[in-house]
């Protein structure tokens, strides 16, 4: 056999070998992709649940209702963020009306849910509206977060000085969250607190 005849045969074998290698690579790739798809279909799926429960049902109060009346420009019922103060309620009601007795209103006092805020006119004495919390509330108990000094002085063992301290503590620290918070007020100890438990609420 001449060298001229062997060269085409060698070239044909080379092409055949290269083609077989390409086919093997393609087959291996197809097998790999197939295994990946199979595993993806058989792998367990993890479900993530998003909690869309409203804040009102989780026990976290985010707002309060306040009835603003008296010498304000737009009396009515207002929904305010929890932790709001009297100044926020007056602002929501359009501000003080002409002739309002501004000195008779403690703008720094925290509001309570369901409170009625009565803004007096000049010369009028600020009065506690029924259900406002500035006097007795349900069960005859006094709300520590809304009671004025006169109402606090009616409590057993509470005089003018202690009533002022209770209001001062409330203005500086915000709402009482429990009756035990009274222990943080100077002059109130365990014995006095025990006598107040059945007379106050928060």
N, C-alpha and C. Protein backbone atom coordinates (compact mmCIF):
# COMPACT_ATOMS: atom_id res chain seq x y z
N UNK A 1 0.86 -1.19 0.00
CA UNK A 1 0.00 0.00 0.00
C UNK A 1 0.89 1.22 0.00
N UNK A 2 0.51 2.17 -0.88
CA UNK A 2 1.32 3.38 -1.00
C UNK A 2 0.98 4.36 0.09
N UNK A 3 1.90 5.30 0.35
CA UNK A 3 1.67 6.34 1.37
C UNK A 3 0.52 7.23 1.01
N UNK A 4 0.26 7.40 -0.30
CA UNK A 4 -0.84 8.25 -0.76
C UNK A 4 -2.17 7.66 -0.36
N UNK A 5 -2.30 6.29 -0.33
CA UNK A 5 -3.54 5.65 0.03
C UNK A 5 -3.76 5.63 1.54
N UNK A 6 -2.67 5.55 2.32
CA UNK A 6 -2.80 5.46 3.78
C UNK A 6 -3.19 6.79 4.42
N UNK A 7 -2.81 7.88 3.81
CA UNK A 7 -3.13 9.19 4.38
C UNK A 7 -4.63 9.45 4.43
N UNK A 8 -5.45 9.21 3.36
CA UNK A 8 -6.90 9.42 3.46
C UNK A 8 -7.53 8.52 4.50
N UNK A 9 -7.00 7.25 4.65
CA UNK A 9 -7.58 6.35 5.64
C UNK A 9 -7.31 6.85 7.06
N UNK A 10 -6.12 7.37 7.27
CA UNK A 10 -5.79 7.89 8.61
C UNK A 10 -6.63 9.13 8.92
N UNK A 11 -6.82 9.95 7.91
CA UNK A 11 -7.64 11.15 8.12
C UNK A 11 -9.07 10.77 8.43
N UNK A 12 -9.59 9.75 7.77
CA UNK A 12 -10.97 9.30 8.02
C UNK A 12 -11.10 8.75 9.43
N UNK A 13 -10.08 7.96 9.86
CA UNK A 13 -10.13 7.44 11.22
C UNK A 13 -10.08 8.56 12.25
N UNK A 14 -9.29 9.60 11.95
CA UNK A 14 -9.17 10.74 12.87
C UNK A 14 -10.52 11.46 13.01
N UNK A 15 -11.19 11.67 11.87
CA UNK A 15 -12.50 12.33 11.90
C UNK A 15 -13.52 11.48 12.63
N UNK A 16 -13.45 10.17 12.43
CA UNK A 16 -14.37 9.26 13.11
C UNK A 16 -14.16 9.30 14.63
N UNK A 17 -12.90 9.31 15.02
CA UNK A 17 -12.60 9.37 16.45
C UNK A 17 -13.05 10.69 17.08
N UNK A 18 -12.87 11.77 16.37
CA UNK A 18 -13.29 13.09 16.88
C UNK A 18 -14.81 13.17 16.98
N UNK A 19 -15.49 12.64 15.99
CA UNK A 19 -16.96 12.65 16.02
C UNK A 19 -17.50 11.82 17.17
N UNK A 20 -16.86 10.66 17.41
CA UNK A 20 -17.30 9.81 18.52
C UNK A 20 -17.11 10.52 19.86
N UNK A 21 -16.00 11.26 19.98
CA UNK A 21 -15.74 11.98 21.22
C UNK A 21 -16.80 13.06 21.45
N UNK A 22 -17.16 13.76 20.38
CA UNK A 22 -18.19 14.79 20.49
C UNK A 22 -19.52 14.18 20.90
N UNK A 23 -19.85 13.03 20.29
CA UNK A 23 -21.10 12.36 20.65
C UNK A 23 -21.10 11.94 22.11
N UNK A 24 -19.99 11.43 22.61
CA UNK A 24 -19.89 11.00 24.00
C UNK A 24 -20.07 12.20 24.96
N UNK A 25 -19.45 13.34 24.58
CA UNK A 25 -19.58 14.54 25.42
C UNK A 25 -21.04 14.99 25.46
N UNK A 26 -21.72 14.98 24.33
CA UNK A 26 -23.13 15.40 24.28
C UNK A 26 -24.01 14.45 25.08
N UNK A 27 -23.73 13.16 25.00
CA UNK A 27 -24.51 12.19 25.75
C UNK A 27 -24.31 12.39 27.25
N UNK A 28 -23.07 12.62 27.67
CA UNK A 28 -22.78 12.83 29.09
C UNK A 28 -23.47 14.09 29.60
N UNK A 29 -23.45 15.13 28.77
CA UNK A 29 -24.11 16.38 29.15
C UNK A 29 -25.61 16.19 29.30
N UNK A 30 -26.21 15.45 28.37
CA UNK A 30 -27.65 15.19 28.44
C UNK A 30 -28.01 14.40 29.68
N UNK A 31 -27.17 13.43 30.03
CA UNK A 31 -27.42 12.63 31.24
C UNK A 31 -27.34 13.51 32.49
N UNK A 32 -26.33 14.40 32.53
CA UNK A 32 -26.16 15.29 33.69
C UNK A 32 -27.37 16.21 33.86
N UNK A 33 -27.82 16.80 32.74
CA UNK A 33 -28.99 17.69 32.79
C UNK A 33 -30.22 16.91 33.23
N UNK A 34 -30.39 15.69 32.72
CA UNK A 34 -31.54 14.87 33.10
C UNK A 34 -31.55 14.56 34.59
N UNK A 35 -30.37 14.23 35.13
CA UNK A 35 -30.29 13.94 36.57
C UNK A 35 -30.64 15.18 37.39
N UNK A 36 -30.15 16.34 36.93
CA UNK A 36 -30.45 17.59 37.65
C UNK A 36 -31.94 17.89 37.65
N UNK A 37 -32.60 17.69 36.52
CA UNK A 37 -34.04 17.93 36.45
C UNK A 37 -34.80 16.97 37.35
N UNK A 38 -34.38 15.71 37.34
CA UNK A 38 -35.05 14.71 38.18
C UNK A 38 -34.91 15.05 39.66
N UNK A 39 -33.72 15.43 40.06
CA UNK A 39 -33.51 15.79 41.46
C UNK A 39 -34.31 17.02 41.85
N UNK A 40 -34.40 17.98 40.93
CA UNK A 40 -35.17 19.20 41.22
C UNK A 40 -36.65 18.90 41.42
N UNK A 41 -37.16 17.92 40.64
CA UNK A 41 -38.57 17.58 40.77
C UNK A 41 -38.83 16.78 42.03
N UNK A 42 -37.87 15.98 42.45
CA UNK A 42 -38.09 15.12 43.61
C UNK A 42 -37.69 15.78 44.92
N UNK A 43 -36.99 16.95 44.86
CA UNK A 43 -36.56 17.61 46.09
C UNK A 43 -37.75 18.17 46.84
N UNK A 44 -37.74 18.09 48.17
CA UNK A 44 -38.86 18.63 48.97
C UNK A 44 -38.96 20.14 48.82
N UNK A 45 -40.16 20.63 48.82
CA UNK A 45 -40.41 22.06 48.69
C UNK A 45 -40.69 22.65 50.06
N UNK A 46 -40.01 23.75 50.39
CA UNK A 46 -40.21 24.42 51.69
C UNK A 46 -41.15 25.61 51.48
N UNK A 47 -42.27 25.61 52.21
CA UNK A 47 -43.25 26.69 52.09
C UNK A 47 -43.03 27.69 53.21
N UNK A 48 -43.02 28.97 52.88
CA UNK A 48 -42.87 30.04 53.86
C UNK A 48 -44.20 30.78 53.97
N UNK A 49 -44.76 30.83 55.18
CA UNK A 49 -46.03 31.50 55.40
C UNK A 49 -45.79 32.90 55.94
N UNK A 50 -46.40 33.89 55.32
CA UNK A 50 -46.28 35.28 55.75
C UNK A 50 -47.45 35.62 56.65
N UNK A 51 -47.14 36.09 57.85
CA UNK A 51 -48.17 36.45 58.82
C UNK A 51 -48.76 37.80 58.45
N UNK A 52 -50.03 37.78 58.06
CA UNK A 52 -50.71 39.02 57.69
C UNK A 52 -51.76 39.40 58.72
N UNK A 53 -51.60 38.88 59.95
CA UNK A 53 -52.56 39.17 61.01
C UNK A 53 -52.51 40.63 61.38
N UNK A 54 -53.63 41.34 61.40
CA UNK A 54 -53.64 42.75 61.77
C UNK A 54 -53.13 42.94 63.19
N UNK A 55 -52.53 44.14 63.45
CA UNK A 55 -51.98 44.43 64.77
C UNK A 55 -53.05 44.38 65.84
N UNK A 56 -54.29 44.67 65.46
CA UNK A 56 -55.36 44.72 66.45
C UNK A 56 -55.65 43.35 67.04
N UNK A 57 -55.34 42.27 66.27
CA UNK A 57 -55.64 40.94 66.76
C UNK A 57 -54.46 40.30 67.46
N UNK A 58 -53.30 40.94 67.42
CA UNK A 58 -52.12 40.40 68.07
C UNK A 58 -51.93 40.97 69.46
N UNK A 59 -52.82 41.86 69.88
CA UNK A 59 -52.73 42.42 71.21
C UNK A 59 -51.90 43.68 71.29
N UNK A 60 -51.31 44.11 70.16
CA UNK A 60 -50.49 45.32 70.17
C UNK A 60 -51.36 46.51 69.76
N UNK A 61 -51.70 47.32 70.74
CA UNK A 61 -52.52 48.49 70.46
C UNK A 61 -51.69 49.53 69.74
N UNK A 62 -52.19 50.03 68.61
CA UNK A 62 -51.44 51.02 67.84
C UNK A 62 -52.20 52.34 67.74
N UNK A 63 -53.41 52.41 68.26
CA UNK A 63 -54.19 53.64 68.16
C UNK A 63 -55.15 53.74 69.32
N UNK A 64 -55.67 54.92 69.53
CA UNK A 64 -56.66 55.14 70.57
C UNK A 64 -57.72 56.10 70.06
N UNK A 65 -58.88 56.06 70.70
CA UNK A 65 -60.00 56.93 70.34
C UNK A 65 -60.15 58.00 71.42
N UNK A 66 -60.29 59.23 70.98
CA UNK A 66 -60.48 60.33 71.92
C UNK A 66 -61.61 61.22 71.43
N UNK A 67 -62.54 61.55 72.33
CA UNK A 67 -63.64 62.45 72.02
C UNK A 67 -63.25 63.84 72.52
N UNK A 68 -63.00 64.74 71.59
CA UNK A 68 -62.58 66.10 71.94
C UNK A 68 -63.78 67.02 71.82
N UNK A 69 -64.09 67.72 72.90
CA UNK A 69 -65.24 68.62 72.90
C UNK A 69 -64.88 69.91 73.62
N UNK A 70 -65.85 70.84 73.67
CA UNK A 70 -65.60 72.12 74.34
C UNK A 70 -65.05 73.15 73.38
N UNK A 71 -64.13 73.97 73.87
CA UNK A 71 -63.64 75.12 73.11
C UNK A 71 -62.53 74.75 72.13
N UNK A 72 -62.89 73.91 71.14
CA UNK A 72 -61.98 73.60 70.04
C UNK A 72 -62.71 73.91 68.73
N UNK A 73 -61.96 74.08 67.66
CA UNK A 73 -62.57 74.49 66.40
C UNK A 73 -63.43 73.41 65.75
N UNK A 74 -63.06 72.16 65.94
CA UNK A 74 -63.80 71.08 65.27
C UNK A 74 -63.98 69.90 66.23
N UNK A 75 -64.91 70.01 67.17
CA UNK A 75 -65.11 68.92 68.14
C UNK A 75 -65.51 67.63 67.43
N UNK A 76 -65.16 66.52 68.02
CA UNK A 76 -65.55 65.24 67.44
C UNK A 76 -64.73 64.10 67.99
N UNK A 77 -64.93 62.93 67.38
CA UNK A 77 -64.22 61.72 67.78
C UNK A 77 -63.02 61.55 66.86
N UNK A 78 -61.86 61.37 67.46
CA UNK A 78 -60.63 61.26 66.68
C UNK A 78 -59.87 59.99 67.03
N UNK A 79 -59.25 59.39 65.99
CA UNK A 79 -58.40 58.22 66.16
C UNK A 79 -56.96 58.70 66.11
N UNK A 80 -56.23 58.49 67.19
CA UNK A 80 -54.86 58.98 67.31
C UNK A 80 -53.90 57.83 67.58
N UNK A 81 -52.62 58.01 67.27
CA UNK A 81 -51.65 56.95 67.57
C UNK A 81 -51.55 56.71 69.08
N UNK A 82 -51.31 55.47 69.45
CA UNK A 82 -51.15 55.15 70.86
C UNK A 82 -49.95 55.93 71.41
N UNK A 83 -50.11 56.48 72.61
CA UNK A 83 -49.06 57.29 73.20
C UNK A 83 -49.24 58.78 72.96
N UNK A 84 -50.35 59.15 72.28
CA UNK A 84 -50.60 60.58 72.02
C UNK A 84 -50.91 61.32 73.31
N UNK A 85 -50.73 62.62 73.26
CA UNK A 85 -50.99 63.47 74.41
C UNK A 85 -52.11 64.46 74.09
N UNK A 86 -52.49 65.23 75.10
CA UNK A 86 -53.60 66.17 74.93
C UNK A 86 -53.31 67.14 73.78
N UNK A 87 -52.07 67.57 73.64
CA UNK A 87 -51.73 68.50 72.57
C UNK A 87 -52.06 67.91 71.20
N UNK A 88 -51.90 66.59 71.05
CA UNK A 88 -52.20 65.93 69.77
C UNK A 88 -53.71 65.92 69.50
N UNK A 89 -54.49 65.69 70.57
CA UNK A 89 -55.95 65.66 70.42
C UNK A 89 -56.48 67.05 70.08
N UNK A 90 -55.94 68.08 70.73
CA UNK A 90 -56.37 69.45 70.44
C UNK A 90 -56.01 69.83 69.01
N UNK A 91 -54.82 69.44 68.58
CA UNK A 91 -54.40 69.73 67.20
C UNK A 91 -55.30 69.02 66.19
N UNK A 92 -55.66 67.77 66.49
CA UNK A 92 -56.53 67.01 65.59
C UNK A 92 -57.90 67.66 65.47
N UNK A 93 -58.33 68.32 66.54
CA UNK A 93 -59.64 68.99 66.54
C UNK A 93 -59.55 70.42 66.01
N UNK A 94 -58.48 70.73 65.33
CA UNK A 94 -58.37 72.04 64.69
C UNK A 94 -57.76 73.12 65.57
N UNK A 95 -57.34 72.76 66.76
CA UNK A 95 -56.74 73.74 67.67
C UNK A 95 -57.78 74.38 68.57
N UNK A 96 -57.31 75.25 69.44
CA UNK A 96 -58.20 75.93 70.36
C UNK A 96 -59.14 76.89 69.62
N UNK A 97 -60.38 76.93 70.08
CA UNK A 97 -61.34 77.89 69.53
C UNK A 97 -61.11 79.25 70.20
N UNK A 98 -61.67 80.28 69.61
CA UNK A 98 -61.55 81.61 70.20
C UNK A 98 -62.21 81.62 71.57
N UNK A 99 -61.50 82.15 72.55
CA UNK A 99 -62.04 82.20 73.90
C UNK A 99 -61.78 80.96 74.72
N UNK A 100 -60.93 80.05 74.22
CA UNK A 100 -60.64 78.82 74.97
C UNK A 100 -59.78 79.14 76.19
N UNK A 101 -60.03 78.46 77.26
CA UNK A 101 -59.23 78.63 78.47
C UNK A 101 -58.01 77.74 78.41
N UNK A 102 -57.00 78.17 77.69
CA UNK A 102 -55.82 77.35 77.44
C UNK A 102 -55.07 76.98 78.72
N UNK A 103 -55.09 77.87 79.68
CA UNK A 103 -54.36 77.60 80.93
C UNK A 103 -54.99 76.46 81.73
N UNK A 104 -56.21 76.13 81.40
CA UNK A 104 -56.89 75.05 82.14
C UNK A 104 -56.68 73.69 81.52
N UNK A 105 -55.80 73.60 80.51
CA UNK A 105 -55.57 72.34 79.81
C UNK A 105 -54.10 71.95 79.92
N UNK A 106 -53.85 70.77 80.41
CA UNK A 106 -52.48 70.24 80.48
C UNK A 106 -52.15 69.56 79.16
N UNK A 107 -51.48 70.27 78.28
CA UNK A 107 -51.20 69.75 76.94
C UNK A 107 -50.23 68.56 76.95
N UNK A 108 -49.48 68.41 78.03
CA UNK A 108 -48.48 67.34 78.08
C UNK A 108 -49.05 66.03 78.60
N UNK A 109 -50.28 66.04 79.07
CA UNK A 109 -50.84 64.83 79.68
C UNK A 109 -51.10 63.75 78.64
N UNK A 110 -50.72 62.50 78.93
CA UNK A 110 -51.01 61.39 78.01
C UNK A 110 -52.51 61.11 77.94
N UNK A 111 -52.95 60.69 76.76
CA UNK A 111 -54.36 60.35 76.56
C UNK A 111 -54.60 58.87 76.84
N UNK A 112 -55.84 58.54 77.18
CA UNK A 112 -56.23 57.15 77.34
C UNK A 112 -57.26 56.81 76.26
N UNK A 113 -57.29 55.55 75.86
CA UNK A 113 -58.26 55.11 74.88
C UNK A 113 -59.68 55.28 75.44
N UNK A 114 -60.56 55.90 74.67
CA UNK A 114 -61.93 56.10 75.09
C UNK A 114 -62.14 57.36 75.91
N UNK A 115 -61.13 58.18 76.01
CA UNK A 115 -61.24 59.39 76.84
C UNK A 115 -62.04 60.49 76.14
N UNK A 116 -62.76 61.27 76.95
CA UNK A 116 -63.39 62.49 76.45
C UNK A 116 -62.63 63.68 77.03
N UNK A 117 -62.08 64.49 76.15
CA UNK A 117 -61.32 65.67 76.55
C UNK A 117 -62.20 66.90 76.37
N UNK A 118 -62.49 67.58 77.46
CA UNK A 118 -63.32 68.78 77.42
C UNK A 118 -62.43 70.00 77.62
N UNK A 119 -62.34 70.84 76.60
CA UNK A 119 -61.53 72.06 76.68
C UNK A 119 -62.43 73.19 77.18
N UNK A 120 -62.12 73.79 78.34
CA UNK A 120 -63.00 74.83 78.89
C UNK A 120 -62.82 76.17 78.18
N UNK A 121 -63.80 77.04 78.36
CA UNK A 121 -63.67 78.42 77.88
C UNK A 121 -63.02 79.25 78.98
N UNK A 122 -62.58 80.43 78.63
CA UNK A 122 -61.95 81.30 79.61
C UNK A 122 -62.93 81.55 80.75
N UNK A 123 -62.42 81.44 81.97
CA UNK A 123 -63.26 81.69 83.13
C UNK A 123 -63.98 80.45 83.62
N UNK A 124 -64.00 79.40 82.81
CA UNK A 124 -64.65 78.15 83.23
C UNK A 124 -63.64 77.24 83.92
N UNK A 125 -64.13 76.46 84.84
CA UNK A 125 -63.30 75.46 85.51
C UNK A 125 -63.31 74.19 84.67
N UNK A 126 -62.14 73.65 84.43
CA UNK A 126 -62.07 72.40 83.67
C UNK A 126 -62.80 71.31 84.42
N UNK A 127 -63.70 70.64 83.73
CA UNK A 127 -64.48 69.58 84.36
C UNK A 127 -64.21 68.26 83.68
N UNK A 128 -64.38 67.22 84.42
CA UNK A 128 -64.19 65.88 83.86
C UNK A 128 -65.51 65.39 83.30
N UNK A 129 -65.50 65.08 82.01
CA UNK A 129 -66.72 64.55 81.39
C UNK A 129 -66.88 63.09 81.77
N UNK A 130 -68.12 62.59 81.81
CA UNK A 130 -68.33 61.18 82.15
C UNK A 130 -67.55 60.28 81.21
N UNK A 131 -66.86 59.31 81.80
CA UNK A 131 -66.09 58.38 80.98
C UNK A 131 -64.76 58.92 80.51
N UNK A 132 -64.39 60.12 80.96
CA UNK A 132 -63.14 60.70 80.48
C UNK A 132 -61.94 60.11 81.16
N UNK A 133 -62.15 59.49 82.29
CA UNK A 133 -61.02 58.94 83.02
C UNK A 133 -60.46 59.94 84.01
N UNK A 134 -60.92 61.18 84.01
CA UNK A 134 -60.42 62.17 84.96
C UNK A 134 -61.09 61.98 86.31
N UNK A 135 -62.12 61.16 86.34
CA UNK A 135 -62.78 60.82 87.60
C UNK A 135 -62.85 59.31 87.69
N UNK A 136 -63.90 58.80 88.31
CA UNK A 136 -64.03 57.36 88.43
C UNK A 136 -64.36 56.74 87.09
N UNK A 137 -63.83 55.55 86.84
CA UNK A 137 -64.15 54.82 85.61
C UNK A 137 -64.94 53.58 86.01
N UNK A 138 -65.04 52.64 85.07
CA UNK A 138 -65.81 51.44 85.34
C UNK A 138 -65.40 50.78 86.63
N UNK A 139 -66.38 50.43 87.47
CA UNK A 139 -66.08 49.81 88.75
C UNK A 139 -65.73 50.81 89.82
N UNK A 140 -65.87 52.11 89.52
CA UNK A 140 -65.58 53.14 90.49
C UNK A 140 -64.10 53.40 90.69
N UNK A 141 -63.24 52.88 89.83
CA UNK A 141 -61.80 53.08 89.97
C UNK A 141 -61.34 54.32 89.22
N UNK A 142 -60.29 54.94 89.73
CA UNK A 142 -59.74 56.15 89.15
C UNK A 142 -58.61 55.79 88.19
N UNK A 143 -58.63 56.37 87.00
CA UNK A 143 -57.60 56.09 86.01
C UNK A 143 -56.37 56.96 86.29
N UNK A 144 -55.27 56.32 86.61
CA UNK A 144 -54.05 57.05 86.96
C UNK A 144 -53.49 57.85 85.79
N UNK A 145 -53.83 57.46 84.58
CA UNK A 145 -53.26 58.13 83.40
C UNK A 145 -54.02 59.39 83.01
N UNK A 146 -55.22 59.57 83.52
CA UNK A 146 -56.01 60.73 83.11
C UNK A 146 -56.54 61.56 84.27
N UNK A 147 -56.41 61.06 85.47
CA UNK A 147 -56.97 61.77 86.64
C UNK A 147 -56.25 63.09 86.86
N UNK A 148 -57.02 64.14 87.17
CA UNK A 148 -56.41 65.43 87.51
C UNK A 148 -56.07 65.45 88.99
N UNK A 149 -55.48 66.55 89.43
CA UNK A 149 -55.01 66.61 90.81
C UNK A 149 -56.16 66.49 91.81
N UNK A 150 -57.27 67.16 91.52
CA UNK A 150 -58.40 67.11 92.46
C UNK A 150 -58.90 65.68 92.64
N UNK A 151 -58.96 64.92 91.55
CA UNK A 151 -59.44 63.54 91.64
C UNK A 151 -58.44 62.67 92.39
N UNK A 152 -57.15 62.91 92.16
CA UNK A 152 -56.13 62.12 92.85
C UNK A 152 -56.15 62.36 94.36
N UNK A 153 -56.45 63.60 94.74
CA UNK A 153 -56.47 63.93 96.17
C UNK A 153 -57.60 63.24 96.91
N UNK A 154 -58.58 62.71 96.18
CA UNK A 154 -59.68 61.99 96.82
C UNK A 154 -59.30 60.55 97.16
N UNK A 155 -58.15 60.11 96.66
CA UNK A 155 -57.71 58.75 96.95
C UNK A 155 -57.22 58.64 98.39
N UNK A 156 -57.36 57.48 99.01
CA UNK A 156 -56.91 57.31 100.40
C UNK A 156 -55.40 57.48 100.53
N UNK A 157 -54.97 58.38 101.40
CA UNK A 157 -53.55 58.59 101.65
C UNK A 157 -52.87 59.51 100.68
N UNK A 158 -53.60 60.07 99.72
CA UNK A 158 -53.00 60.96 98.72
C UNK A 158 -53.42 62.40 99.01
N UNK A 159 -52.43 63.23 99.32
CA UNK A 159 -52.69 64.65 99.55
C UNK A 159 -52.23 65.45 98.35
N UNK A 160 -52.26 66.79 98.45
CA UNK A 160 -51.86 67.65 97.33
C UNK A 160 -50.44 67.39 96.83
N UNK A 161 -49.50 67.19 97.76
CA UNK A 161 -48.11 66.99 97.36
C UNK A 161 -47.94 65.68 96.57
N UNK A 162 -48.54 64.59 97.07
CA UNK A 162 -48.43 63.30 96.37
C UNK A 162 -49.16 63.33 95.03
N UNK A 163 -50.29 64.01 95.01
CA UNK A 163 -51.04 64.12 93.75
C UNK A 163 -50.20 64.84 92.69
N UNK A 164 -49.50 65.90 93.12
CA UNK A 164 -48.64 66.62 92.19
C UNK A 164 -47.48 65.74 91.70
N UNK A 165 -46.94 64.92 92.62
CA UNK A 165 -45.84 64.03 92.22
C UNK A 165 -46.30 62.97 91.22
N UNK A 166 -47.51 62.46 91.43
CA UNK A 166 -48.05 61.46 90.50
C UNK A 166 -48.19 62.06 89.10
N UNK A 167 -48.74 63.28 89.04
CA UNK A 167 -48.91 63.94 87.74
C UNK A 167 -47.56 64.26 87.13
N UNK A 168 -46.60 64.72 87.96
CA UNK A 168 -45.27 65.05 87.44
C UNK A 168 -44.58 63.80 86.88
N UNK A 169 -44.71 62.66 87.60
CA UNK A 169 -44.10 61.42 87.11
C UNK A 169 -44.74 61.02 85.78
N UNK A 170 -46.05 61.16 85.70
CA UNK A 170 -46.77 60.79 84.48
C UNK A 170 -46.35 61.66 83.31
N UNK A 171 -46.17 62.96 83.55
CA UNK A 171 -45.77 63.89 82.48
C UNK A 171 -44.35 63.60 82.00
N UNK A 172 -43.48 63.16 82.93
CA UNK A 172 -42.08 62.92 82.58
C UNK A 172 -41.85 61.54 81.96
N UNK A 173 -42.63 60.56 82.40
CA UNK A 173 -42.36 59.17 81.98
C UNK A 173 -43.43 58.57 81.08
N UNK A 174 -44.50 59.29 80.87
CA UNK A 174 -45.58 58.74 80.03
C UNK A 174 -46.59 57.98 80.86
N UNK A 175 -47.37 57.15 80.22
CA UNK A 175 -48.48 56.45 80.87
C UNK A 175 -48.00 55.46 81.93
N UNK A 176 -48.81 55.30 82.97
CA UNK A 176 -48.62 54.20 83.91
C UNK A 176 -49.03 52.93 83.19
N UNK A 177 -48.19 51.93 83.21
CA UNK A 177 -48.54 50.67 82.55
C UNK A 177 -49.08 49.64 83.54
N UNK A 178 -48.83 49.88 84.82
CA UNK A 178 -49.39 49.03 85.86
C UNK A 178 -49.49 49.83 87.15
N UNK A 179 -50.30 49.35 88.06
CA UNK A 179 -50.47 50.04 89.34
C UNK A 179 -49.15 50.05 90.12
N UNK A 180 -48.34 49.02 89.94
CA UNK A 180 -47.05 48.94 90.63
C UNK A 180 -46.11 50.08 90.25
N UNK A 181 -46.36 50.74 89.12
CA UNK A 181 -45.54 51.88 88.72
C UNK A 181 -45.60 53.01 89.74
N UNK A 182 -46.64 53.02 90.56
CA UNK A 182 -46.76 54.06 91.60
C UNK A 182 -45.60 54.01 92.58
N UNK A 183 -44.96 52.86 92.71
CA UNK A 183 -43.83 52.74 93.63
C UNK A 183 -42.66 53.61 93.19
N UNK A 184 -42.67 54.01 91.92
CA UNK A 184 -41.60 54.88 91.41
C UNK A 184 -41.83 56.34 91.80
N UNK A 185 -43.02 56.65 92.30
CA UNK A 185 -43.33 58.01 92.74
C UNK A 185 -42.84 58.20 94.16
N UNK A 186 -42.06 59.24 94.36
CA UNK A 186 -41.51 59.50 95.69
C UNK A 186 -42.63 59.69 96.72
N UNK A 187 -42.52 58.96 97.83
CA UNK A 187 -43.51 59.08 98.90
C UNK A 187 -44.53 57.96 98.90
N UNK A 188 -44.53 57.11 97.87
CA UNK A 188 -45.47 55.99 97.81
C UNK A 188 -44.71 54.70 98.04
N UNK A 189 -45.06 54.00 99.10
CA UNK A 189 -44.42 52.72 99.43
C UNK A 189 -45.41 51.58 99.31
N UNK A 190 -44.96 50.41 99.72
CA UNK A 190 -45.78 49.21 99.59
C UNK A 190 -47.09 49.31 100.37
N UNK A 191 -47.03 49.88 101.56
CA UNK A 191 -48.23 49.97 102.40
C UNK A 191 -49.28 50.88 101.76
N UNK A 192 -48.85 52.05 101.28
CA UNK A 192 -49.79 52.98 100.64
C UNK A 192 -50.32 52.38 99.34
N UNK A 193 -49.44 51.72 98.61
CA UNK A 193 -49.85 51.09 97.35
C UNK A 193 -50.92 50.05 97.58
N UNK A 194 -50.78 49.26 98.63
CA UNK A 194 -51.77 48.23 98.95
C UNK A 194 -53.15 48.85 99.19
N UNK A 195 -53.18 50.03 99.79
CA UNK A 195 -54.46 50.69 100.04
C UNK A 195 -55.04 51.33 98.80
N UNK A 196 -54.24 51.48 97.74
CA UNK A 196 -54.71 52.12 96.50
C UNK A 196 -55.14 51.11 95.44
N UNK A 197 -54.74 49.87 95.58
CA UNK A 197 -54.96 48.88 94.51
C UNK A 197 -56.43 48.76 94.11
N UNK A 198 -57.33 48.79 95.06
CA UNK A 198 -58.75 48.61 94.75
C UNK A 198 -59.43 49.92 94.32
N UNK A 199 -58.65 51.03 94.35
CA UNK A 199 -59.26 52.32 94.03
C UNK A 199 -58.80 52.90 92.70
N UNK A 200 -57.73 52.32 92.11
CA UNK A 200 -57.18 52.90 90.88
C UNK A 200 -57.04 51.84 89.78
N UNK A 201 -56.88 52.33 88.58
CA UNK A 201 -56.64 51.48 87.42
C UNK A 201 -55.75 52.24 86.46
N UNK A 202 -55.30 51.57 85.39
CA UNK A 202 -54.47 52.22 84.38
C UNK A 202 -55.06 52.02 83.00
